[in-house]
Amino acid sequence: MTDKKALEVCRLYNAVISAIIVADAGWALDDGYRNILATMDITEDGAMRNVIGQQAEASIKERMLE
Protein backbone atom coordinates (compact mmCIF):
# COMPACT_ATOMS: atom_id res chain seq x y z
CA MET A 1 0.00 0.00 0.00
CA THR A 2 1.35 3.40 -0.88
CA ASP A 3 1.69 6.15 1.71
CA LYS A 4 -0.98 8.14 -0.15
CA LYS A 5 -3.45 5.26 -0.04
CA ALA A 6 -2.71 4.60 3.65
CA LEU A 7 -3.39 8.25 4.44
CA GLU A 8 -6.70 8.08 2.54
CA VAL A 9 -7.74 4.99 4.51
CA CYS A 10 -6.79 6.67 7.81
CA ARG A 11 -8.76 9.78 6.95
CA LEU A 12 -11.82 7.74 6.00
CA TYR A 13 -11.59 5.70 9.21
CA ASN A 14 -11.20 8.90 11.23
CA ALA A 15 -14.26 10.44 9.54
CA VAL A 16 -16.40 7.38 10.29
CA ILE A 17 -15.29 7.12 13.92
CA SER A 18 -15.68 10.87 14.43
CA ALA A 19 -19.23 10.76 13.05
CA ILE A 20 -20.10 7.93 15.44
CA ILE A 21 -18.68 9.80 18.43
CA VAL A 22 -20.38 13.09 17.55
CA ALA A 23 -23.74 11.39 16.98
CA ASP A 24 -23.65 9.55 20.32
CA ALA A 25 -24.27 11.93 23.21
CA GLY A 26 -23.45 9.14 25.69
CA TRP A 27 -20.03 8.31 24.20
CA ALA A 28 -17.17 8.21 26.71
CA LEU A 29 -13.43 7.67 26.43
CA ASP A 30 -13.87 4.19 27.91
CA ASP A 31 -15.94 3.33 24.83
CA GLY A 32 -12.94 4.22 22.70
CA TYR A 33 -10.64 2.03 24.77
CA ARG A 34 -13.03 -0.91 24.45
CA ASN A 35 -13.22 -0.35 20.70
CA ILE A 36 -9.43 -0.39 20.39
CA LEU A 37 -9.10 -3.56 22.47
CA ALA A 38 -11.83 -5.31 20.49
CA THR A 39 -10.18 -4.33 17.20
CA MET A 40 -6.80 -5.58 18.39
CA ASP A 41 -8.33 -8.88 19.51
CA ILE A 42 -10.20 -9.40 16.24
CA THR A 43 -7.04 -8.62 14.24
CA GLU A 44 -4.92 -11.03 16.28
CA ASP A 45 -7.56 -13.75 16.03
CA GLY A 46 -7.67 -13.37 12.25
CA ALA A 47 -3.89 -13.47 12.00
CA MET A 48 -3.68 -16.68 14.03
CA ARG A 49 -6.43 -18.34 12.00
CA ASN A 50 -4.54 -17.38 8.85
CA VAL A 51 -1.33 -19.00 10.15
CA ILE A 52 -3.21 -22.19 11.00
CA GLY A 53 -4.78 -22.24 7.54
CA GLN A 54 -1.42 -21.73 5.84
CA GLN A 55 0.12 -24.58 7.83
CA ALA A 56 -2.77 -26.86 6.94
CA GLU A 57 -2.49 -25.92 3.27
CA ALA A 58 1.25 -26.61 3.24
CA SER A 59 0.72 -29.98 4.92
CA ILE A 60 -1.93 -31.01 2.40
CA LYS A 61 0.23 -29.93 -0.55
CA GLU A 62 3.17 -31.89 0.86
CA ARG A 63 1.06 -35.05 1.26
CA MET A 64 -0.35 -34.69 -2.24
CA LEU A 65 3.16 -34.45 -3.69
CA GLU A 66 4.23 -37.57 -1.81
PDB file of N, CA and C in Angstrom:
ATOM      1  N   MET A   1       0.850  -1.167   0.000  1.00  0.00           N
ATOM      2  CA  MET A   1       0.000   0.000   0.000  1.00  0.00           C
ATOM      3  C   MET A   1       0.898   1.233   0.000  1.00  0.00           C
ATOM      4  N   THR A   2       0.565   2.169  -0.821  1.00  0.00           N
ATOM      5  CA  THR A   2       1.352   3.400  -0.879  1.00  0.00           C
ATOM      6  C   THR A   2       1.025   4.285   0.326  1.00  0.00           C
ATOM      7  N   ASP A   3       1.925   5.213   0.610  1.00  0.00           N
ATOM      8  CA  ASP A   3       1.685   6.155   1.707  1.00  0.00           C
ATOM      9  C   ASP A   3       0.418   6.966   1.453  1.00  0.00           C
ATOM     10  N   LYS A   4       0.207   7.347   0.191  1.00  0.00           N
ATOM     11  CA  LYS A   4      -0.976   8.143  -0.151  1.00  0.00           C
ATOM     12  C   LYS A   4      -2.251   7.349   0.133  1.00  0.00           C
ATOM     13  N   LYS A   5      -2.277   6.095  -0.261  1.00  0.00           N
ATOM     14  CA  LYS A   5      -3.452   5.259  -0.042  1.00  0.00           C
ATOM     15  C   LYS A   5      -3.677   5.035   1.460  1.00  0.00           C
ATOM     16  N   ALA A   6      -2.600   4.797   2.200  1.00  0.00           N
ATOM     17  CA  ALA A   6      -2.712   4.601   3.649  1.00  0.00           C
ATOM     18  C   ALA A   6      -3.295   5.842   4.319  1.00  0.00           C
ATOM     19  N   LEU A   7      -2.874   7.002   3.879  1.00  0.00           N
ATOM     20  CA  LEU A   7      -3.395   8.253   4.438  1.00  0.00           C
ATOM     21  C   LEU A   7      -4.876   8.402   4.119  1.00  0.00           C
ATOM     22  N   GLU A   8      -5.284   8.025   2.914  1.00  0.00           N
ATOM     23  CA  GLU A   8      -6.700   8.080   2.544  1.00  0.00           C
ATOM     24  C   GLU A   8      -7.530   7.153   3.425  1.00  0.00           C
ATOM     25  N   VAL A   9      -7.030   5.948   3.669  1.00  0.00           N
ATOM     26  CA  VAL A   9      -7.737   4.991   4.515  1.00  0.00           C
ATOM     27  C   VAL A   9      -7.849   5.536   5.938  1.00  0.00           C
ATOM     28  N   CYS A  10      -6.775   6.093   6.460  1.00  0.00           N
ATOM     29  CA  CYS A  10      -6.787   6.665   7.813  1.00  0.00           C
ATOM     30  C   CYS A  10      -7.789   7.806   7.925  1.00  0.00           C
ATOM     31  N   ARG A  11      -7.819   8.648   6.920  1.00  0.00           N
ATOM     32  CA  ARG A  11      -8.757   9.776   6.947  1.00  0.00           C
ATOM     33  C   ARG A  11     -10.201   9.289   6.899  1.00  0.00           C
ATOM     34  N   LEU A  12     -10.459   8.292   6.077  1.00  0.00           N
ATOM     35  CA  LEU A  12     -11.816   7.742   5.996  1.00  0.00           C
ATOM     36  C   LEU A  12     -12.211   7.113   7.331  1.00  0.00           C
ATOM     37  N   TYR A  13     -11.314   6.325   7.919  1.00  0.00           N
ATOM     38  CA  TYR A  13     -11.586   5.696   9.215  1.00  0.00           C
ATOM     39  C   TYR A  13     -11.851   6.774  10.271  1.00  0.00           C
ATOM     40  N   ASN A  14     -11.044   7.814  10.271  1.00  0.00           N
ATOM     41  CA  ASN A  14     -11.205   8.904  11.225  1.00  0.00           C
ATOM     42  C   ASN A  14     -12.555   9.587  11.042  1.00  0.00           C
ATOM     43  N   ALA A  15     -12.969   9.791   9.797  1.00  0.00           N
ATOM     44  CA  ALA A  15     -14.256  10.436   9.537  1.00  0.00           C
ATOM     45  C   ALA A  15     -15.406   9.582  10.052  1.00  0.00           C
ATOM     46  N   VAL A  16     -15.331   8.276   9.834  1.00  0.00           N
ATOM     47  CA  VAL A  16     -16.402   7.381  10.292  1.00  0.00           C
ATOM     48  C   VAL A  16     -16.459   7.357  11.813  1.00  0.00           C
ATOM     49  N   ILE A  17     -15.323   7.162  12.446  1.00  0.00           N
ATOM     50  CA  ILE A  17     -15.287   7.118  13.919  1.00  0.00           C
ATOM     51  C   ILE A  17     -15.732   8.450  14.510  1.00  0.00           C
ATOM     52  N   SER A  18     -15.290   9.548  13.925  1.00  0.00           N
ATOM     53  CA  SER A  18     -15.684  10.869  14.435  1.00  0.00           C
ATOM     54  C   SER A  18     -17.188  11.071  14.327  1.00  0.00           C
ATOM     55  N   ALA A  19     -17.780  10.627  13.224  1.00  0.00           N
ATOM     56  CA  ALA A  19     -19.230  10.757  13.049  1.00  0.00           C
ATOM     57  C   ALA A  19     -19.976   9.941  14.107  1.00  0.00           C
ATOM     58  N   ILE A  20     -19.474   8.769  14.414  1.00  0.00           N
ATOM     59  CA  ILE A  20     -20.102   7.934  15.441  1.00  0.00           C
ATOM     60  C   ILE A  20     -20.033   8.616  16.802  1.00  0.00           C
ATOM     61  N   ILE A  21     -18.871   9.151  17.131  1.00  0.00           N
ATOM     62  CA  ILE A  21     -18.679   9.803  18.435  1.00  0.00           C
ATOM     63  C   ILE A  21     -19.562  11.037  18.559  1.00  0.00           C
ATOM     64  N   VAL A  22     -19.591  11.858  17.512  1.00  0.00           N
ATOM     65  CA  VAL A  22     -20.378  13.092  17.552  1.00  0.00           C
ATOM     66  C   VAL A  22     -21.872  12.783  17.658  1.00  0.00           C
ATOM     67  N   ALA A  23     -22.318  11.728  16.987  1.00  0.00           N
ATOM     68  CA  ALA A  23     -23.740  11.389  16.976  1.00  0.00           C
ATOM     69  C   ALA A  23     -24.211  10.744  18.280  1.00  0.00           C
ATOM     70  N   ASP A  24     -23.281  10.247  19.088  1.00  0.00           N
ATOM     71  CA  ASP A  24     -23.651   9.548  20.324  1.00  0.00           C
ATOM     72  C   ASP A  24     -23.367  10.432  21.526  1.00  0.00           C
ATOM     73  N   ALA A  25     -24.422  11.018  22.075  1.00  0.00           N
ATOM     74  CA  ALA A  25     -24.268  11.935  23.210  1.00  0.00           C
ATOM     75  C   ALA A  25     -23.718  11.219  24.443  1.00  0.00           C
ATOM     76  N   GLY A  26     -23.893   9.884  24.516  1.00  0.00           N
ATOM     77  CA  GLY A  26     -23.445   9.142  25.685  1.00  0.00           C
ATOM     78  C   GLY A  26     -22.053   8.547  25.528  1.00  0.00           C
ATOM     79  N   TRP A  27     -21.350   8.897  24.442  1.00  0.00           N
ATOM     80  CA  TRP A  27     -20.031   8.313  24.201  1.00  0.00           C
ATOM     81  C   TRP A  27     -19.042   8.787  25.259  1.00  0.00           C
ATOM     82  N   ALA A  28     -18.193   7.875  25.725  1.00  0.00           N
ATOM     83  CA  ALA A  28     -17.168   8.210  26.715  1.00  0.00           C
ATOM     84  C   ALA A  28     -15.834   7.628  26.250  1.00  0.00           C
ATOM     85  N   LEU A  29     -14.763   8.125  26.815  1.00  0.00           N
ATOM     86  CA  LEU A  29     -13.429   7.670  26.431  1.00  0.00           C
ATOM     87  C   LEU A  29     -13.274   6.163  26.646  1.00  0.00           C
ATOM     88  N   ASP A  30     -13.921   5.632  27.678  1.00  0.00           N
ATOM     89  CA  ASP A  30     -13.870   4.186  27.915  1.00  0.00           C
ATOM     90  C   ASP A  30     -14.422   3.401  26.723  1.00  0.00           C
ATOM     91  N   ASP A  31     -15.407   3.971  26.031  1.00  0.00           N
ATOM     92  CA  ASP A  31     -15.936   3.327  24.828  1.00  0.00           C
ATOM     93  C   ASP A  31     -14.840   3.209  23.766  1.00  0.00           C
ATOM     94  N   GLY A  32     -14.045   4.239  23.648  1.00  0.00           N
ATOM     95  CA  GLY A  32     -12.938   4.224  22.700  1.00  0.00           C
ATOM     96  C   GLY A  32     -11.907   3.163  23.051  1.00  0.00           C
ATOM     97  N   TYR A  33     -11.596   3.057  24.332  1.00  0.00           N
ATOM     98  CA  TYR A  33     -10.638   2.035  24.774  1.00  0.00           C
ATOM     99  C   TYR A  33     -11.160   0.626  24.471  1.00  0.00           C
ATOM    100  N   ARG A  34     -12.440   0.413  24.742  1.00  0.00           N
ATOM    101  CA  ARG A  34     -13.033  -0.906  24.449  1.00  0.00           C
ATOM    102  C   ARG A  34     -13.005  -1.196  22.954  1.00  0.00           C
ATOM    103  N   ASN A  35     -13.251  -0.184  22.149  1.00  0.00           N
ATOM    104  CA  ASN A  35     -13.218  -0.349  20.699  1.00  0.00           C
ATOM    105  C   ASN A  35     -11.816  -0.735  20.235  1.00  0.00           C
ATOM    106  N   ILE A  36     -10.810  -0.081  20.769  1.00  0.00           N
ATOM    107  CA  ILE A  36      -9.427  -0.387  20.394  1.00  0.00           C
ATOM    108  C   ILE A  36      -9.067  -1.811  20.795  1.00  0.00           C
ATOM    109  N   LEU A  37      -9.405  -2.198  22.008  1.00  0.00           N
ATOM    110  CA  LEU A  37      -9.097  -3.555  22.470  1.00  0.00           C
ATOM    111  C   LEU A  37      -9.815  -4.610  21.640  1.00  0.00           C
ATOM    112  N   ALA A  38     -11.081  -4.358  21.305  1.00  0.00           N
ATOM    113  CA  ALA A  38     -11.830  -5.313  20.490  1.00  0.00           C
ATOM    114  C   ALA A  38     -11.212  -5.435  19.106  1.00  0.00           C
ATOM    115  N   THR A  39     -10.809  -4.318  18.527  1.00  0.00           N
ATOM    116  CA  THR A  39     -10.183  -4.330  17.200  1.00  0.00           C
ATOM    117  C   THR A  39      -8.868  -5.094  17.226  1.00  0.00           C
ATOM    118  N   MET A  40      -8.072  -4.866  18.267  1.00  0.00           N
ATOM    119  CA  MET A  40      -6.798  -5.581  18.389  1.00  0.00           C
ATOM    120  C   MET A  40      -7.036  -7.088  18.508  1.00  0.00           C
ATOM    121  N   ASP A  41      -8.032  -7.462  19.303  1.00  0.00           N
ATOM    122  CA  ASP A  41      -8.334  -8.882  19.510  1.00  0.00           C
ATOM    123  C   ASP A  41      -8.803  -9.534  18.215  1.00  0.00           C
ATOM    124  N   ILE A  42      -9.691  -8.859  17.498  1.00  0.00           N
ATOM    125  CA  ILE A  42     -10.198  -9.398  16.237  1.00  0.00           C
ATOM    126  C   ILE A  42      -9.060  -9.547  15.227  1.00  0.00           C
ATOM    127  N   THR A  43      -8.176  -8.572  15.173  1.00  0.00           N
ATOM    128  CA  THR A  43      -7.045  -8.620  14.243  1.00  0.00           C
ATOM    129  C   THR A  43      -6.119  -9.779  14.583  1.00  0.00           C
ATOM    130  N   GLU A  44      -5.805  -9.944  15.849  1.00  0.00           N
ATOM    131  CA  GLU A  44      -4.916 -11.030  16.284  1.00  0.00           C
ATOM    132  C   GLU A  44      -5.554 -12.389  16.014  1.00  0.00           C
ATOM    133  N   ASP A  45      -6.846 -12.501  16.281  1.00  0.00           N
ATOM    134  CA  ASP A  45      -7.555 -13.748  16.032  1.00  0.00           C
ATOM    135  C   ASP A  45      -7.491 -14.110  14.541  1.00  0.00           C
ATOM    136  N   GLY A  46      -7.736 -13.136  13.690  1.00  0.00           N
ATOM    137  CA  GLY A  46      -7.671 -13.372  12.246  1.00  0.00           C
ATOM    138  C   GLY A  46      -6.286 -13.779  11.793  1.00  0.00           C
ATOM    139  N   ALA A  47      -5.271 -13.137  12.357  1.00  0.00           N
ATOM    140  CA  ALA A  47      -3.893 -13.469  11.995  1.00  0.00           C
ATOM    141  C   ALA A  47      -3.550 -14.900  12.387  1.00  0.00           C
ATOM    142  N   MET A  48      -3.969 -15.310  13.576  1.00  0.00           N
ATOM    143  CA  MET A  48      -3.681 -16.676  14.027  1.00  0.00           C
ATOM    144  C   MET A  48      -4.421 -17.714  13.188  1.00  0.00           C
ATOM    145  N   ARG A  49      -5.668 -17.416  12.850  1.00  0.00           N
ATOM    146  CA  ARG A  49      -6.428 -18.339  11.996  1.00  0.00           C
ATOM    147  C   ARG A  49      -5.772 -18.462  10.626  1.00  0.00           C
ATOM    148  N   ASN A  50      -5.225 -17.369  10.134  1.00  0.00           N
ATOM    149  CA  ASN A  50      -4.541 -17.380   8.849  1.00  0.00           C
ATOM    150  C   ASN A  50      -3.298 -18.261   8.907  1.00  0.00           C
ATOM    151  N   VAL A  51      -2.535 -18.162   9.984  1.00  0.00           N
ATOM    152  CA  VAL A  51      -1.335 -18.995  10.152  1.00  0.00           C
ATOM    153  C   VAL A  51      -1.714 -20.475  10.179  1.00  0.00           C
ATOM    154  N   ILE A  52      -2.759 -20.799  10.920  1.00  0.00           N
ATOM    155  CA  ILE A  52      -3.212 -22.187  11.005  1.00  0.00           C
ATOM    156  C   ILE A  52      -3.626 -22.686   9.626  1.00  0.00           C
ATOM    157  N   GLY A  53      -4.358 -21.867   8.888  1.00  0.00           N
ATOM    158  CA  GLY A  53      -4.781 -22.243   7.545  1.00  0.00           C
ATOM    159  C   GLY A  53      -3.620 -22.447   6.593  1.00  0.00           C
ATOM    160  N   GLN A  54      -2.610 -21.598   6.699  1.00  0.00           N
ATOM    161  CA  GLN A  54      -1.421 -21.731   5.841  1.00  0.00           C
ATOM    162  C   GLN A  54      -0.674 -23.018   6.164  1.00  0.00           C
ATOM    163  N   GLN A  55      -0.560 -23.349   7.437  1.00  0.00           N
ATOM    164  CA  GLN A  55       0.118 -24.578   7.826  1.00  0.00           C
ATOM    165  C   GLN A  55      -0.646 -25.796   7.321  1.00  0.00           C
ATOM    166  N   ALA A  56      -1.952 -25.752   7.428  1.00  0.00           N
ATOM    167  CA  ALA A  56      -2.770 -26.864   6.940  1.00  0.00           C
ATOM    168  C   ALA A  56      -2.630 -27.000   5.431  1.00  0.00           C
ATOM    169  N   GLU A  57      -2.643 -25.896   4.726  1.00  0.00           N
ATOM    170  CA  GLU A  57      -2.491 -25.918   3.272  1.00  0.00           C
ATOM    171  C   GLU A  57      -1.144 -26.507   2.871  1.00  0.00           C
ATOM    172  N   ALA A  58      -0.087 -26.092   3.547  1.00  0.00           N
ATOM    173  CA  ALA A  58       1.254 -26.605   3.241  1.00  0.00           C
ATOM    174  C   ALA A  58       1.325 -28.109   3.507  1.00  0.00           C
ATOM    175  N   SER A  59       0.719 -28.563   4.582  1.00  0.00           N
ATOM    176  CA  SER A  59       0.724 -29.985   4.925  1.00  0.00           C
ATOM    177  C   SER A  59      -0.020 -30.806   3.865  1.00  0.00           C
ATOM    178  N   ILE A  60      -1.153 -30.303   3.424  1.00  0.00           N
ATOM    179  CA  ILE A  60      -1.929 -31.015   2.403  1.00  0.00           C
ATOM    180  C   ILE A  60      -1.168 -31.062   1.086  1.00  0.00           C
ATOM    181  N   LYS A  61      -0.560 -29.952   0.693  1.00  0.00           N
ATOM    182  CA  LYS A  61       0.228 -29.927  -0.549  1.00  0.00           C
ATOM    183  C   LYS A  61       1.383 -30.932  -0.482  1.00  0.00           C
ATOM    184  N   GLU A  62       2.040 -30.968   0.683  1.00  0.00           N
ATOM    185  CA  GLU A  62       3.167 -31.891   0.864  1.00  0.00           C
ATOM    186  C   GLU A  62       2.698 -33.344   0.718  1.00  0.00           C
ATOM    187  N   ARG A  63       1.578 -33.677   1.328  1.00  0.00           N
ATOM    188  CA  ARG A  63       1.060 -35.051   1.259  1.00  0.00           C
ATOM    189  C   ARG A  63       0.619 -35.405  -0.158  1.00  0.00           C
ATOM    190  N   MET A  64       0.071 -34.437  -0.874  1.00  0.00           N
ATOM    191  CA  MET A  64      -0.352 -34.691  -2.236  1.00  0.00           C
ATOM    192  C   MET A  64       0.858 -34.959  -3.140  1.00  0.00           C
ATOM    193  N   LEU A  65       1.944 -34.258  -2.886  1.00  0.00           N
ATOM    194  CA  LEU A  65       3.158 -34.448  -3.685  1.00  0.00           C
ATOM    195  C   LEU A  65       3.818 -35.794  -3.405  1.00  0.00           C
ATOM    196  N   GLU A  66       3.653 -36.267  -2.179  1.00  0.00           N
ATOM    197  CA  GLU A  66       4.235 -37.571  -1.813  1.00  0.00           C
ATOM    198  C   GLU A  66       3.485 -38.669  -2.528  1.00  0.00           C
TER     199      GLU A  66
END
